[in-house]
PDB file of N, CA and C in Angstrom:
ATOM      1  N   MET A   1       0.767  -1.728   0.440  1.00  0.00           N
ATOM      2  CA  MET A   1       0.282   0.113   0.030  1.00  0.00           C
ATOM      3  C   MET A   1       0.517   1.857   0.049  1.00  0.00           C
ATOM      4  N   GLY A   2       1.677   1.461   1.066  1.00  0.00           N
ATOM      5  CA  GLY A   2       2.584   2.130   0.680  1.00  0.00           C
ATOM      6  C   GLY A   2       2.349   4.032   2.000  1.00  0.00           C
ATOM      7  N   ILE A   3       3.088   4.666   1.317  1.00  0.00           N
ATOM      8  CA  ILE A   3       2.569   6.178   2.744  1.00  0.00           C
ATOM      9  C   ILE A   3       1.790   6.601   1.956  1.00  0.00           C
ATOM     10  N   TRP A   4       0.675   7.435   2.553  1.00  0.00           N
ATOM     11  CA  TRP A   4      -0.228   8.299   1.925  1.00  0.00           C
ATOM     12  C   TRP A   4      -0.788   9.424   2.720  1.00  0.00           C
ATOM     13  N   HIS A   5       0.245  10.801   2.059  1.00  0.00           N
ATOM     14  CA  HIS A   5      -0.702  11.538   3.070  1.00  0.00           C
ATOM     15  C   HIS A   5      -1.821  12.637   2.268  1.00  0.00           C
ATOM     16  N   GLY A   6      -3.106  11.796   1.710  1.00  0.00           N
ATOM     17  CA  GLY A   6      -3.770  12.302   1.354  1.00  0.00           C
ATOM     18  C   GLY A   6      -5.315  11.969   3.147  1.00  0.00           C
ATOM     19  N   ARG A   7      -5.837  13.035   2.258  1.00  0.00           N
ATOM     20  CA  ARG A   7      -7.435  12.357   3.621  1.00  0.00           C
ATOM     21  C   ARG A   7      -7.599  11.427   4.441  1.00  0.00           C
ATOM     22  N   SER A   8      -7.741  11.757   5.709  1.00  0.00           N
ATOM     23  CA  SER A   8      -8.183  10.527   6.346  1.00  0.00           C
ATOM     24  C   SER A   8      -9.285   9.868   6.302  1.00  0.00           C
ATOM     25  N   GLY A   9      -9.977   8.304   6.469  1.00  0.00           N
ATOM     26  CA  GLY A   9     -11.053   8.099   6.112  1.00  0.00           C
ATOM     27  C   GLY A   9     -12.094   8.138   6.982  1.00  0.00           C
ATOM     28  N   ARG A  10     -11.173   9.217   7.762  1.00  0.00           N
ATOM     29  CA  ARG A  10     -12.931   9.286   8.971  1.00  0.00           C
ATOM     30  C   ARG A  10     -12.616  10.667   9.252  1.00  0.00           C
ATOM     31  N   THR A  11     -14.044  11.014  10.028  1.00  0.00           N
ATOM     32  CA  THR A  11     -13.647  12.178  10.815  1.00  0.00           C
ATOM     33  C   THR A  11     -13.179  12.409  11.532  1.00  0.00           C
ATOM     34  N   GLU A  12     -13.017  13.660  13.032  1.00  0.00           N
ATOM     35  CA  GLU A  12     -12.632  13.971  14.158  1.00  0.00           C
ATOM     36  C   GLU A  12     -13.667  12.561  15.288  1.00  0.00           C
ATOM     37  N   THR A  13     -14.423  12.905  14.614  1.00  0.00           N
ATOM     38  CA  THR A  13     -15.517  12.125  15.236  1.00  0.00           C
ATOM     39  C   THR A  13     -15.726  10.342  15.392  1.00  0.00           C
ATOM     40  N   GLY A  14     -15.476  10.538  14.033  1.00  0.00           N
ATOM     41  CA  GLY A  14     -14.789   8.844  14.119  1.00  0.00           C
ATOM     42  C   GLY A  14     -16.217   8.460  13.593  1.00  0.00           C
ATOM     43  N   SER A  15     -17.506   9.110  12.189  1.00  0.00           N
ATOM     44  CA  SER A  15     -17.337   8.850  11.434  1.00  0.00           C
ATOM     45  C   SER A  15     -16.455   8.850  10.243  1.00  0.00           C
ATOM     46  N   ARG A  16     -17.608   7.996   9.223  1.00  0.00           N
ATOM     47  CA  ARG A  16     -16.880   7.472   7.157  1.00  0.00           C
ATOM     48  C   ARG A  16     -17.186   8.633   6.567  1.00  0.00           C
ATOM     49  N   ILE A  17     -15.892   9.064   5.977  1.00  0.00           N
ATOM     50  CA  ILE A  17     -15.903  10.108   4.688  1.00  0.00           C
ATOM     51  C   ILE A  17     -16.634   9.919   3.573  1.00  0.00           C
ATOM     52  N   LYS A  18     -17.172   9.631   2.670  1.00  0.00           N
ATOM     53  CA  LYS A  18     -17.685   8.986   1.330  1.00  0.00           C
ATOM     54  C   LYS A  18     -16.021   9.462   0.798  1.00  0.00           C
ATOM     55  N   LYS A  19     -15.501   8.626   0.192  1.00  0.00           N
ATOM     56  CA  LYS A  19     -14.698   9.192  -0.897  1.00  0.00           C
ATOM     57  C   LYS A  19     -14.942   9.285  -2.011  1.00  0.00           C
ATOM     58  N   PHE A  20     -14.562  10.501  -2.845  1.00  0.00           N
ATOM     59  CA  PHE A  20     -14.974  10.989  -4.237  1.00  0.00           C
ATOM     60  C   PHE A  20     -13.701  10.445  -5.473  1.00  0.00           C
ATOM     61  N   ARG A  21     -13.071  10.295  -4.903  1.00  0.00           N
ATOM     62  CA  ARG A  21     -11.118   9.684  -5.875  1.00  0.00           C
ATOM     63  C   ARG A  21     -10.595   9.125  -5.545  1.00  0.00           C
ATOM     64  N   SER A  22      -9.771   8.157  -5.976  1.00  0.00           N
ATOM     65  CA  SER A  22      -8.453   7.458  -5.728  1.00  0.00           C
ATOM     66  C   SER A  22      -6.798   8.594  -5.309  1.00  0.00           C
ATOM     67  N   LYS A  23      -6.057   7.401  -4.861  1.00  0.00           N
ATOM     68  CA  LYS A  23      -5.600   8.167  -4.588  1.00  0.00           C
ATOM     69  C   LYS A  23      -4.321   8.880  -5.647  1.00  0.00           C
ATOM     70  N   ARG A  24      -4.012  10.075  -5.400  1.00  0.00           N
ATOM     71  CA  ARG A  24      -2.892  10.594  -6.308  1.00  0.00           C
ATOM     72  C   ARG A  24      -0.778  10.148  -6.027  1.00  0.00           C
ATOM     73  N   LYS A  25      -0.191  10.548  -6.950  1.00  0.00           N
ATOM     74  CA  LYS A  25       1.004  10.677  -6.996  1.00  0.00           C
ATOM     75  C   LYS A  25       1.271  11.892  -5.946  1.00  0.00           C
ATOM     76  N   HIS A  26       0.894  12.228  -6.202  1.00  0.00           N
ATOM     77  CA  HIS A  26       1.342  13.361  -5.734  1.00  0.00           C
ATOM     78  C   HIS A  26       0.946  13.505  -4.505  1.00  0.00           C
ATOM     79  N   GLN A  27      -0.092  12.664  -3.395  1.00  0.00           N
ATOM     80  CA  GLN A  27      -0.033  12.530  -2.484  1.00  0.00           C
ATOM     81  C   GLN A  27       1.180  11.558  -1.838  1.00  0.00           C
ATOM     82  N   MET A  28       1.377  10.648  -2.862  1.00  0.00           N
ATOM     83  CA  MET A  28       3.097   9.689  -2.112  1.00  0.00           C
ATOM     84  C   MET A  28       3.253  10.097  -0.764  1.00  0.00           C
ATOM     85  N   GLY A  29       3.899   9.478   0.070  1.00  0.00           N
ATOM     86  CA  GLY A  29       4.863   9.647   1.100  1.00  0.00           C
ATOM     87  C   GLY A  29       6.236   9.025   0.963  1.00  0.00           C
ATOM     88  N   ARG A  30       7.412   9.294   2.016  1.00  0.00           N
ATOM     89  CA  ARG A  30       7.627   7.885   2.528  1.00  0.00           C
ATOM     90  C   ARG A  30       8.577   7.604   3.197  1.00  0.00           C
ATOM     91  N   VAL A  31       9.417   6.271   3.722  1.00  0.00           N
ATOM     92  CA  VAL A  31      10.317   6.404   4.517  1.00  0.00           C
ATOM     93  C   VAL A  31      10.752   7.211   5.332  1.00  0.00           C
ATOM     94  N   PRO A  32      10.809   7.536   6.829  1.00  0.00           N
ATOM     95  CA  PRO A  32      11.307   8.701   7.025  1.00  0.00           C
ATOM     96  C   PRO A  32      13.268   8.251   7.302  1.00  0.00           C
ATOM     97  N   THR A  33      13.447   8.752   6.237  1.00  0.00           N
ATOM     98  CA  THR A  33      15.206   8.672   6.778  1.00  0.00           C
ATOM     99  C   THR A  33      16.282   8.522   8.120  1.00  0.00           C
ATOM    100  N   GLU A  34      16.598   7.725   8.157  1.00  0.00           N
ATOM    101  CA  GLU A  34      16.852   7.485  10.016  1.00  0.00           C
ATOM    102  C   GLU A  34      18.775   7.609   9.751  1.00  0.00           C
ATOM    103  N   THR A  35      19.332   9.105   9.929  1.00  0.00           N
ATOM    104  CA  THR A  35      20.592   8.698   9.786  1.00  0.00           C
ATOM    105  C   THR A  35      21.152   8.251  10.714  1.00  0.00           C
ATOM    106  N   LEU A  36      22.027   7.596  10.583  1.00  0.00           N
ATOM    107  CA  LEU A  36      22.986   6.612  11.706  1.00  0.00           C
ATOM    108  C   LEU A  36      24.711   6.771  11.414  1.00  0.00           C
ATOM    109  N   ARG A  37      25.646   7.176  12.476  1.00  0.00           N
ATOM    110  CA  ARG A  37      26.410   7.237  12.522  1.00  0.00           C
ATOM    111  C   ARG A  37      27.545   5.993  11.430  1.00  0.00           C
ATOM    112  N   GLY A  38      28.463   6.226  10.826  1.00  0.00           N
ATOM    113  CA  GLY A  38      29.355   4.991   9.843  1.00  0.00           C
ATOM    114  C   GLY A  38      29.616   5.618   8.941  1.00  0.00           C
ATOM    115  N   GLU A  39      30.415   4.724   7.876  1.00  0.00           N
ATOM    116  CA  GLU A  39      30.534   5.372   6.158  1.00  0.00           C
ATOM    117  C   GLU A  39      29.893   6.010   5.828  1.00  0.00           C
ATOM    118  N   PRO A  40      29.689   6.813   5.500  1.00  0.00           N
ATOM    119  CA  PRO A  40      29.618   7.909   4.560  1.00  0.00           C
ATOM    120  C   PRO A  40      28.507   6.938   3.262  1.00  0.00           C
ATOM    121  N   LYS A  41      26.765   7.335   3.652  1.00  0.00           N
ATOM    122  CA  LYS A  41      25.599   6.004   2.443  1.00  0.00           C
ATOM    123  C   LYS A  41      25.171   7.044   2.072  1.00  0.00           C
ATOM    124  N   ARG A  42      24.385   7.697   0.934  1.00  0.00           N
ATOM    125  CA  ARG A  42      24.362   8.533   0.163  1.00  0.00           C
ATOM    126  C   ARG A  42      23.081   8.585  -1.087  1.00  0.00           C
ATOM    127  N   LYS A  43      21.623   8.356  -0.778  1.00  0.00           N
ATOM    128  CA  LYS A  43      21.156   8.049  -2.726  1.00  0.00           C
ATOM    129  C   LYS A  43      20.403   9.430  -2.935  1.00  0.00           C
ATOM    130  N   THR A  44      20.527   9.725  -3.936  1.00  0.00           N
ATOM    131  CA  THR A  44      19.612  10.591  -4.493  1.00  0.00           C
ATOM    132  C   THR A  44      18.190   9.925  -4.675  1.00  0.00           C
ATOM    133  N   ILE A  45      16.981  10.843  -4.143  1.00  0.00           N
ATOM    134  CA  ILE A  45      15.817  10.987  -4.492  1.00  0.00           C
ATOM    135  C   ILE A  45      14.992  11.958  -5.390  1.00  0.00           C
ATOM    136  N   ARG A  46      14.876  11.125  -6.164  1.00  0.00           N
ATOM    137  CA  ARG A  46      13.889  12.657  -7.351  1.00  0.00           C
ATOM    138  C   ARG A  46      12.312  13.288  -6.541  1.00  0.00           C
ATOM    139  N   GLY A  47      12.947  14.285  -6.633  1.00  0.00           N
ATOM    140  CA  GLY A  47      11.324  15.262  -6.230  1.00  0.00           C
ATOM    141  C   GLY A  47      10.106  15.802  -7.497  1.00  0.00           C
ATOM    142  N   LYS A  48       9.609  16.216  -6.565  1.00  0.00           N
ATOM    143  CA  LYS A  48       8.216  16.620  -7.479  1.00  0.00           C
ATOM    144  C   LYS A  48       8.545  18.142  -8.581  1.00  0.00           C
ATOM    145  N   GLY A  49       8.833  18.279  -9.609  1.00  0.00           N
ATOM    146  CA  GLY A  49       9.292  18.841 -10.133  1.00  0.00           C
ATOM    147  C   GLY A  49      11.093  18.489 -10.486  1.00  0.00           C
ATOM    148  N   LYS A  50      11.696  19.973 -10.064  1.00  0.00           N
ATOM    149  CA  LYS A  50      13.455  19.752 -10.046  1.00  0.00           C
ATOM    150  C   LYS A  50      14.461  19.298  -9.575  1.00  0.00           C
ATOM    151  N   SER A  51      13.389  19.826  -8.048  1.00  0.00           N
ATOM    152  CA  SER A  51      14.085  19.673  -7.112  1.00  0.00           C
ATOM    153  C   SER A  51      14.524  17.358  -6.699  1.00  0.00           C
ATOM    154  N   LYS A  52      16.029  17.981  -6.121  1.00  0.00           N
ATOM    155  CA  LYS A  52      16.534  16.522  -5.944  1.00  0.00           C
ATOM    156  C   LYS A  52      16.690  16.632  -4.291  1.00  0.00           C
ATOM    157  N   LYS A  53      16.546  15.623  -3.599  1.00  0.00           N
ATOM    158  CA  LYS A  53      17.659  15.043  -2.120  1.00  0.00           C
ATOM    159  C   LYS A  53      17.878  14.317  -2.597  1.00  0.00           C
ATOM    160  N   VAL A  54      19.176  14.875  -1.273  1.00  0.00           N
ATOM    161  CA  VAL A  54      20.056  13.846  -1.136  1.00  0.00           C
ATOM    162  C   VAL A  54      19.883  13.160   0.034  1.00  0.00           C
ATOM    163  N   PRO A  55      19.393  12.583   0.584  1.00  0.00           N
ATOM    164  CA  PRO A  55      18.891  12.270   2.269  1.00  0.00           C
ATOM    165  C   PRO A  55      20.568  11.158   2.326  1.00  0.00           C
ATOM    166  N   ALA A  56      21.315  11.192   3.719  1.00  0.00           N
ATOM    167  CA  ALA A  56      22.409  10.823   4.222  1.00  0.00           C
ATOM    168  C   ALA A  56      21.814   9.629   5.355  1.00  0.00           C
ATOM    169  N   PHE A  57      22.318   8.359   4.437  1.00  0.00           N
ATOM    170  CA  PHE A  57      21.227   6.960   5.976  1.00  0.00           C
ATOM    171  C   PHE A  57      22.509   7.068   6.310  1.00  0.00           C
ATOM    172  N   THR A  58      23.660   6.620   6.296  1.00  0.00           N
ATOM    173  CA  THR A  58      24.880   6.473   7.130  1.00  0.00           C
ATOM    174  C   THR A  58      26.588   8.312   6.835  1.00  0.00           C
ATOM    175  N   VAL A  59      26.664   8.736   7.982  1.00  0.00           N
ATOM    176  CA  VAL A  59      27.351  10.067   8.299  1.00  0.00           C
ATOM    177  C   VAL A  59      28.847   9.367   9.114  1.00  0.00           C
ATOM    178  N   LYS A  60      29.542   9.858   8.948  1.00  0.00           N
ATOM    179  CA  LYS A  60      31.177  10.056   9.649  1.00  0.00           C
ATOM    180  C   LYS A  60      31.827  10.664   9.871  1.00  0.00           C
ATOM    181  N   PHE A  61      31.455  12.074   9.443  1.00  0.00           N
ATOM    182  CA  PHE A  61      31.924  13.848   9.918  1.00  0.00           C
ATOM    183  C   PHE A  61      30.998  14.565   9.785  1.00  0.00           C
ATOM    184  N   ALA A  62      31.587  15.901  10.548  1.00  0.00           N
ATOM    185  CA  ALA A  62      30.006  16.907  10.950  1.00  0.00           C
ATOM    186  C   ALA A  62      31.079  18.068   9.850  1.00  0.00           C
ATOM    187  N   ASN A  63      30.593  19.456  10.183  1.00  0.00           N
ATOM    188  CA  ASN A  63      30.578  20.342   9.873  1.00  0.00           C
ATOM    189  C   ASN A  63      31.025  21.396  11.023  1.00  0.00           C
ATOM    190  N   VAL A  64      31.490  21.079  12.212  1.00  0.00           N
ATOM    191  CA  VAL A  64      31.541  21.660  13.306  1.00  0.00           C
ATOM    192  C   VAL A  64      31.692  23.981  13.220  1.00  0.00           C
ATOM    193  N   ILE A  65      30.976  24.195  13.445  1.00  0.00           N
ATOM    194  CA  ILE A  65      31.082  25.845  13.708  1.00  0.00           C
ATOM    195  C   ILE A  65      31.530  25.677  14.915  1.00  0.00           C
ATOM    196  N   ASP A  66      32.342  26.404  15.480  1.00  0.00           N
ATOM    197  CA  ASP A  66      32.769  27.661  16.846  1.00  0.00           C
ATOM    198  C   ASP A  66      32.227  28.760  16.423  1.00  0.00           C
ATOM    199  N   PRO A  67      31.099  28.844  17.591  1.00  0.00           N
ATOM    200  CA  PRO A  67      30.797  30.822  17.306  1.00  0.00           C
ATOM    201  C   PRO A  67      31.551  32.338  17.664  1.00  0.00           C
ATOM    202  N   LYS A  68      32.289  30.903  18.906  1.00  0.00           N
ATOM    203  CA  LYS A  68      33.529  31.905  19.793  1.00  0.00           C
ATOM    204  C   LYS A  68      34.813  32.693  18.579  1.00  0.00           C
ATOM    205  N   LYS A  69      34.954  31.865  18.048  1.00  0.00           N
ATOM    206  CA  LYS A  69      36.264  31.789  16.956  1.00  0.00           C
ATOM    207  C   LYS A  69      35.819  32.236  16.233  1.00  0.00           C
ATOM    208  N   ASN A  70      34.357  31.655  15.577  1.00  0.00           N
ATOM    209  CA  ASN A  70      34.136  32.081  13.938  1.00  0.00           C
ATOM    210  C   ASN A  70      34.510  31.473  12.963  1.00  0.00           C
ATOM    211  N   GLU A  71      35.073  29.574  13.338  1.00  0.00           N
ATOM    212  CA  GLU A  71      35.718  29.774  12.418  1.00  0.00           C
ATOM    213  C   GLU A  71      34.951  28.291  12.090  1.00  0.00           C
ATOM    214  N   THR A  72      35.061  27.026  11.381  1.00  0.00           N
ATOM    215  CA  THR A  72      34.152  25.756  10.754  1.00  0.00           C
ATOM    216  C   THR A  72      35.376  24.969  10.576  1.00  0.00           C
ATOM    217  N   TYR A  73      35.043  23.652  11.265  1.00  0.00           N
ATOM    218  CA  TYR A  73      36.307  22.823  11.351  1.00  0.00           C
ATOM    219  C   TYR A  73      35.255  21.161  10.437  1.00  0.00           C
ATOM    220  N   ARG A  74      36.558  20.586  10.253  1.00  0.00           N
ATOM    221  CA  ARG A  74      35.157  19.375   9.484  1.00  0.00           C
ATOM    222  C   ARG A  74      35.717  18.431  10.582  1.00  0.00           C
ATOM    223  N   ALA A  75      35.080  17.287  11.507  1.00  0.00           N
ATOM    224  CA  ALA A  75      35.348  16.823  12.598  1.00  0.00           C
ATOM    225  C   ALA A  75      34.481  15.576  12.106  1.00  0.00           C
ATOM    226  N   GLU A  76      34.722  14.297  12.803  1.00  0.00           N
ATOM    227  CA  GLU A  76      34.711  12.997  13.374  1.00  0.00           C
ATOM    228  C   GLU A  76      33.890  13.205  14.320  1.00  0.00           C
ATOM    229  N   ILE A  77      32.383  12.041  13.697  1.00  0.00           N
ATOM    230  CA  ILE A  77      31.447  12.482  15.227  1.00  0.00           C
ATOM    231  C   ILE A  77      32.503  10.558  15.766  1.00  0.00           C
ATOM    232  N   GLU A  78      32.070  11.039  17.151  1.00  0.00           N
ATOM    233  CA  GLU A  78      32.575   9.759  17.571  1.00  0.00           C
ATOM    234  C   GLU A  78      30.863   9.288  18.121  1.00  0.00           C
ATOM    235  N   ASP A  79      30.178  10.096  19.298  1.00  0.00           N
ATOM    236  CA  ASP A  79      29.183   8.980  19.431  1.00  0.00           C
ATOM    237  C   ASP A  79      28.032  10.124  19.064  1.00  0.00           C
ATOM    238  N   VAL A  80      26.306   9.266  19.483  1.00  0.00           N
ATOM    239  CA  VAL A  80      25.470  10.280  19.665  1.00  0.00           C
ATOM    240  C   VAL A  80      24.851  10.560  20.889  1.00  0.00           C
ATOM    241  N   GLU A  81      24.396  11.863  21.760  1.00  0.00           N
ATOM    242  CA  GLU A  81      25.164  11.483  23.060  1.00  0.00           C
ATOM    243  C   GLU A  81      23.074  11.387  23.382  1.00  0.00           C
ATOM    244  N   SER A  82      22.947  12.161  22.020  1.00  0.00           N
ATOM    245  CA  SER A  82      21.348  12.544  23.057  1.00  0.00           C
ATOM    246  C   SER A  82      20.298  13.230  21.730  1.00  0.00           C
ATOM    247  N   ASN A  83      18.939  12.667  22.221  1.00  0.00           N
ATOM    248  CA  ASN A  83      18.655  13.155  20.766  1.00  0.00           C
ATOM    249  C   ASN A  83      17.051  13.166  20.981  1.00  0.00           C
ATOM    250  N   PRO A  84      16.622  14.807  21.481  1.00  0.00           N
ATOM    251  CA  PRO A  84      15.369  15.707  22.275  1.00  0.00           C
ATOM    252  C   PRO A  84      14.382  14.895  21.094  1.00  0.00           C
ATOM    253  N   ALA A  85      14.430  14.811  20.061  1.00  0.00           N
ATOM    254  CA  ALA A  85      12.827  14.372  19.283  1.00  0.00           C
ATOM    255  C   ALA A  85      12.282  13.479  19.553  1.00  0.00           C
ATOM    256  N   ASN A  86      12.909  12.023  19.989  1.00  0.00           N
ATOM    257  CA  ASN A  86      12.387  10.637  20.299  1.00  0.00           C
ATOM    258  C   ASN A  86      13.546  10.119  21.982  1.00  0.00           C
ATOM    259  N   MET A  87      12.872   9.747  22.541  1.00  0.00           N
ATOM    260  CA  MET A  87      13.878   8.472  22.618  1.00  0.00           C
ATOM    261  C   MET A  87      14.791   7.509  22.724  1.00  0.00           C
ATOM    262  N   ASP A  88      13.548   7.038  21.577  1.00  0.00           N
ATOM    263  CA  ASP A  88      13.757   5.543  21.122  1.00  0.00           C
ATOM    264  C   ASP A  88      15.047   5.527  19.820  1.00  0.00           C
ATOM    265  N   TYR A  89      14.808   7.122  18.839  1.00  0.00           N
ATOM    266  CA  TYR A  89      16.598   7.905  18.363  1.00  0.00           C
ATOM    267  C   TYR A  89      17.323   7.948  19.287  1.00  0.00           C
ATOM    268  N   GLN A  90      17.333   7.956  20.726  1.00  0.00           N
ATOM    269  CA  GLN A  90      18.381   8.465  21.955  1.00  0.00           C
ATOM    270  C   GLN A  90      18.990   6.789  21.786  1.00  0.00           C
ATOM    271  N   ARG A  91      17.647   6.328  22.184  1.00  0.00           N
ATOM    272  CA  ARG A  91      18.728   5.079  22.218  1.00  0.00           C
ATOM    273  C   ARG A  91      19.650   4.372  21.422  1.00  0.00           C
ATOM    274  N   ARG A  92      18.528   4.348  19.443  1.00  0.00           N
ATOM    275  CA  ARG A  92      18.756   3.634  18.706  1.00  0.00           C
ATOM    276  C   ARG A  92      20.170   4.249  17.949  1.00  0.00           C
ATOM    277  N   LYS A  93      20.633   5.544  18.437  1.00  0.00           N
ATOM    278  CA  LYS A  93      21.781   7.155  18.221  1.00  0.00           C
ATOM    279  C   LYS A  93      21.059   7.218  16.463  1.00  0.00           C
ATOM    280  N   VAL A  94      20.421   7.962  16.661  1.00  0.00           N
ATOM    281  CA  VAL A  94      19.322   8.688  14.947  1.00  0.00           C
ATOM    282  C   VAL A  94      19.960   9.485  15.035  1.00  0.00           C
ATOM    283  N   ILE A  95      20.377   9.953  13.760  1.00  0.00           N
ATOM    284  CA  ILE A  95      21.120  11.385  13.988  1.00  0.00           C
ATOM    285  C   ILE A  95      20.152  12.546  13.476  1.00  0.00           C
ATOM    286  N   THR A  96      19.124  13.156  13.551  1.00  0.00           N
ATOM    287  CA  THR A  96      18.636  14.269  13.385  1.00  0.00           C
ATOM    288  C   THR A  96      18.560  16.002  13.511  1.00  0.00           C
ATOM    289  N   ARG A  97      17.890  16.853  13.483  1.00  0.00           N
ATOM    290  CA  ARG A  97      17.931  18.315  13.649  1.00  0.00           C
ATOM    291  C   ARG A  97      18.079  17.985  15.021  1.00  0.00           C
ATOM    292  N   GLY A  98      18.793  19.282  15.417  1.00  0.00           N
ATOM    293  CA  GLY A  98      18.636  19.243  17.237  1.00  0.00           C
ATOM    294  C   GLY A  98      19.371  17.970  18.894  1.00  0.00           C
ATOM    295  N   THR A  99      19.657  17.411  17.582  1.00  0.00           N
ATOM    296  CA  THR A  99      21.347  16.097  17.830  1.00  0.00           C
ATOM    297  C   THR A  99      22.327  16.444  18.275  1.00  0.00           C
ATOM    298  N   ILE A 100      22.198  15.775  19.789  1.00  0.00           N
ATOM    299  CA  ILE A 100      23.785  16.612  20.516  1.00  0.00           C
ATOM    300  C   ILE A 100      24.934  15.475  20.747  1.00  0.00           C
ATOM    301  N   ILE A 101      25.930  15.864  20.204  1.00  0.00           N
ATOM    302  CA  ILE A 101      26.839  14.917  18.761  1.00  0.00           C
ATOM    303  C   ILE A 101      28.167  15.207  19.536  1.00  0.00           C
ATOM    304  N   LYS A 102      29.333  13.748  19.893  1.00  0.00           N
ATOM    305  CA  LYS A 102      30.425  13.899  20.088  1.00  0.00           C
ATOM    306  C   LYS A 102      30.890  13.704  19.318  1.00  0.00           C
ATOM    307  N   THR A 103      32.198  15.024  18.962  1.00  0.00           N
ATOM    308  CA  THR A 103      32.752  15.118  17.559  1.00  0.00           C
ATOM    309  C   THR A 103      33.893  15.308  18.529  1.00  0.00           C
ATOM    310  N   SER A 104      35.532  15.463  17.787  1.00  0.00           N
ATOM    311  CA  SER A 104      36.871  15.476  18.197  1.00  0.00           C
ATOM    312  C   SER A 104      36.688  17.172  18.356  1.00  0.00           C
ATOM    313  N   LYS A 105      36.120  18.052  18.130  1.00  0.00           N
ATOM    314  CA  LYS A 105      36.285  19.555  18.690  1.00  0.00           C
ATOM    315  C   LYS A 105      35.905  19.229  19.458  1.00  0.00           C
ATOM    316  N   GLY A 106      34.773  18.622  20.028  1.00  0.00           N
ATOM    317  CA  GLY A 106      33.548  18.694  21.359  1.00  0.00           C
ATOM    318  C   GLY A 106      32.526  18.122  21.309  1.00  0.00           C
ATOM    319  N   ARG A 107      31.625  18.666  22.567  1.00  0.00           N
ATOM    320  CA  ARG A 107      30.177  18.657  21.857  1.00  0.00           C
ATOM    321  C   ARG A 107      29.831  19.505  21.352  1.00  0.00           C
ATOM    322  N   ALA A 108      28.471  18.698  20.133  1.00  0.00           N
ATOM    323  CA  ALA A 108      27.844  19.647  19.298  1.00  0.00           C
ATOM    324  C   ALA A 108      26.879  19.553  18.992  1.00  0.00           C
ATOM    325  N   ARG A 109      25.888  20.836  18.733  1.00  0.00           N
ATOM    326  CA  ARG A 109      24.311  20.566  18.527  1.00  0.00           C
ATOM    327  C   ARG A 109      23.777  20.208  16.832  1.00  0.00           C
ATOM    328  N   VAL A 110      23.373  19.586  16.361  1.00  0.00           N
ATOM    329  CA  VAL A 110      23.027  19.283  15.016  1.00  0.00           C
ATOM    330  C   VAL A 110      22.451  20.695  14.796  1.00  0.00           C
ATOM    331  N   THR A 111      22.567  20.899  13.271  1.00  0.00           N
ATOM    332  CA  THR A 111      21.928  22.590  12.573  1.00  0.00           C
ATOM    333  C   THR A 111      20.760  22.226  11.541  1.00  0.00           C
ATOM    334  N   SER A 112      21.805  21.780  10.921  1.00  0.00           N
ATOM    335  CA  SER A 112      21.164  20.591   9.407  1.00  0.00           C
ATOM    336  C   SER A 112      20.133  19.630   9.893  1.00  0.00           C
ATOM    337  N   ARG A 113      19.147  19.929   8.793  1.00  0.00           N
ATOM    338  CA  ARG A 113      18.230  18.351   8.636  1.00  0.00           C
ATOM    339  C   ARG A 113      19.254  16.659   8.097  1.00  0.00           C
ATOM    340  N   PRO A 114      19.339  16.422   8.310  1.00  0.00           N
ATOM    341  CA  PRO A 114      21.013  15.099   7.562  1.00  0.00           C
ATOM    342  C   PRO A 114      20.083  13.905   7.204  1.00  0.00           C
ATOM    343  N   GLY A 115      18.645  13.651   6.915  1.00  0.00           N
ATOM    344  CA  GLY A 115      18.031  12.975   6.624  1.00  0.00           C
ATOM    345  C   GLY A 115      17.106  13.561   5.151  1.00  0.00           C
ATOM    346  N   GLN A 116      16.983  14.395   5.395  1.00  0.00           N
ATOM    347  CA  GLN A 116      16.821  16.014   3.864  1.00  0.00           C
ATOM    348  C   GLN A 116      18.240  16.314   3.501  1.00  0.00           C
ATOM    349  N   ASP A 117      19.055  16.558   3.883  1.00  0.00           N
ATOM    350  CA  ASP A 117      20.201  17.297   2.795  1.00  0.00           C
ATOM    351  C   ASP A 117      20.775  16.485   2.756  1.00  0.00           C
ATOM    352  N   GLY A 118      21.685  15.851   3.208  1.00  0.00           N
ATOM    353  CA  GLY A 118      22.672  15.018   3.484  1.00  0.00           C
ATOM    354  C   GLY A 118      24.095  14.743   3.739  1.00  0.00           C
ATOM    355  N   ILE A 119      23.926  16.545   4.614  1.00  0.00           N
ATOM    356  CA  ILE A 119      24.983  16.819   5.229  1.00  0.00           C
ATOM    357  C   ILE A 119      25.257  17.379   7.080  1.00  0.00           C
ATOM    358  N   VAL A 120      25.715  16.816   7.370  1.00  0.00           N
ATOM    359  CA  VAL A 120      25.976  17.427   9.206  1.00  0.00           C
ATOM    360  C   VAL A 120      26.237  18.415   9.121  1.00  0.00           C
ATOM    361  N   ASN A 121      25.811  19.560   9.893  1.00  0.00           N
ATOM    362  CA  ASN A 121      25.861  20.826  10.255  1.00  0.00           C
ATOM    363  C   ASN A 121      25.913  20.442  11.630  1.00  0.00           C
ATOM    364  N   ALA A 122      26.906  21.801  12.618  1.00  0.00           N
ATOM    365  CA  ALA A 122      26.764  21.314  13.703  1.00  0.00           C
ATOM    366  C   ALA A 122      27.102  22.426  14.609  1.00  0.00           C
ATOM    367  N   VAL A 123      26.644  23.316  16.141  1.00  0.00           N
ATOM    368  CA  VAL A 123      27.522  24.199  16.363  1.00  0.00           C
ATOM    369  C   VAL A 123      27.533  23.861  17.662  1.00  0.00           C
ATOM    370  N   LEU A 124      28.550  24.224  17.753  1.00  0.00           N
ATOM    371  CA  LEU A 124      29.604  23.773  19.129  1.00  0.00           C
ATOM    372  C   LEU A 124      29.147  23.992  20.714  1.00  0.00           C
ATOM    373  N   ILE A 125      28.785  23.829  21.351  1.00  0.00           N
ATOM    374  CA  ILE A 125      27.945  24.459  22.405  1.00  0.00           C
ATOM    375  C   ILE A 125      28.985  23.593  23.714  1.00  0.00           C
TER     376      ILE A 125
END
């Protein structure tokens, strides 16, 4: 069946809504990309129009910004410390936006969306 981002078949109170058409291609969804730590692995996904997404399945390095010195470093990701988005992601060490990661330069908070952009940008904390 797949993931579908169309209207639900039921109202808020639970009564059924009569379908007036079938599913459409523009209502398709996909399984979320859960970025993990490891050797870099990406895949290009064609979007609507000319847009392309390159989600990162696994990443090894992060672009870490030091706000005090105003410098950017390429640091290796050593560990995923916490993920405020989801406790299950924290246990499985999934990297999303807002995740606290341990890098070779220190602790940093992820500011990019690796499951959408394919790159990990972070700010030292």
